[in-house]
């Protein structure tokens, strides 16, 4: 898809240089991918405190069972 945008030349040139991109398109694509990933990660934060867990769960016991099963 072709899109014409009026971008700040100094800003785009800096992005190309800092990201060591070969083209302006590559710099813009990388920036958009990072933007999307960052916002998707922020959605995960909304889940904090919503997942129930067993306070009595002993992960050390579970690990030792796995080790014993692998040895045999």
Protein backbone atom coordinates (compact mmCIF):
# COMPACT_ATOMS: atom_id res chain seq x y z
CA UNK A 1 0.00 0.00 0.00
CA UNK A 2 1.41 3.35 -0.97
CA UNK A 3 0.99 6.23 1.47
CA UNK A 4 2.29 9.76 1.22
CA UNK A 5 3.22 11.32 4.54
CA UNK A 6 4.83 14.61 5.45
CA UNK A 7 7.51 13.49 7.91
CA UNK A 8 10.14 15.58 9.64
CA UNK A 9 13.26 14.98 7.51
CA UNK A 10 15.64 15.43 10.43
CA UNK A 11 13.68 12.94 12.52
CA UNK A 12 13.48 10.30 9.79
CA UNK A 13 17.17 10.71 8.95
CA UNK A 14 18.06 10.26 12.61
CA UNK A 15 15.90 7.12 12.78
CA UNK A 16 17.65 5.72 9.70
CA UNK A 17 21.06 6.40 11.22
CA UNK A 18 20.31 5.18 14.75
CA UNK A 19 18.60 2.02 13.53
CA UNK A 20 21.23 1.47 10.84
CA UNK A 21 18.45 1.04 8.28
CA UNK A 22 19.22 1.08 4.59
CA UNK A 23 16.11 3.05 3.65
CA UNK A 24 13.60 5.46 5.13
CA UNK A 25 10.90 2.86 4.52
CA UNK A 26 12.81 0.32 6.63
CA UNK A 27 13.15 2.85 9.45
CA UNK A 28 9.45 3.70 9.41
CA UNK A 29 8.46 0.02 9.25
CA UNK A 30 10.69 -0.81 12.22
CA UNK A 31 9.30 2.13 14.18
CA UNK A 32 5.72 1.04 13.51
CA UNK A 33 6.51 -2.54 14.55
CA UNK A 34 8.06 -1.36 17.81
CA UNK A 35 5.09 0.94 18.44
CA UNK A 36 2.64 -1.92 17.96
CA UNK A 37 4.67 -4.31 20.14
CA UNK A 38 4.91 -1.76 22.95
CA UNK A 39 1.17 -1.17 22.98
CA UNK A 40 0.44 -4.90 22.88
CA UNK A 41 2.74 -5.38 25.86
CA UNK A 42 0.84 -2.69 27.76
CA UNK A 43 -2.35 -4.71 27.26
CA UNK A 44 -0.77 -7.53 29.29
CA UNK A 45 -0.36 -5.20 32.26
CA UNK A 46 -4.14 -5.03 32.50
CA UNK A 47 -4.13 -8.75 33.40
CA UNK A 48 -2.02 -8.25 36.54
CA UNK A 49 -4.06 -9.14 39.57
CA UNK A 50 -6.74 -10.94 37.56
CA UNK A 51 -5.17 -14.40 37.51
CA UNK A 52 -5.80 -16.53 40.56
CA UNK A 53 -3.04 -18.66 41.96
CA UNK A 54 -2.55 -21.22 44.70
CA UNK A 55 -0.52 -19.64 47.48
CA UNK A 56 0.28 -23.12 48.82
CA UNK A 57 1.81 -24.38 45.56
CA UNK A 58 5.36 -25.60 46.11
CA UNK A 59 7.28 -25.16 42.88
CA UNK A 60 10.41 -26.73 44.37
CA UNK A 61 8.61 -30.04 44.90
CA UNK A 62 7.34 -29.93 41.33
CA UNK A 63 10.86 -29.32 39.99
CA UNK A 64 12.33 -32.20 41.96
CA UNK A 65 9.70 -34.57 40.52
CA UNK A 66 10.73 -33.57 36.99
CA UNK A 67 14.40 -34.18 37.74
CA UNK A 68 13.70 -37.63 39.17
CA UNK A 69 11.60 -38.58 36.13
CA UNK A 70 14.38 -37.54 33.73
CA UNK A 71 17.05 -39.56 35.57
CA UNK A 72 15.14 -42.84 35.23
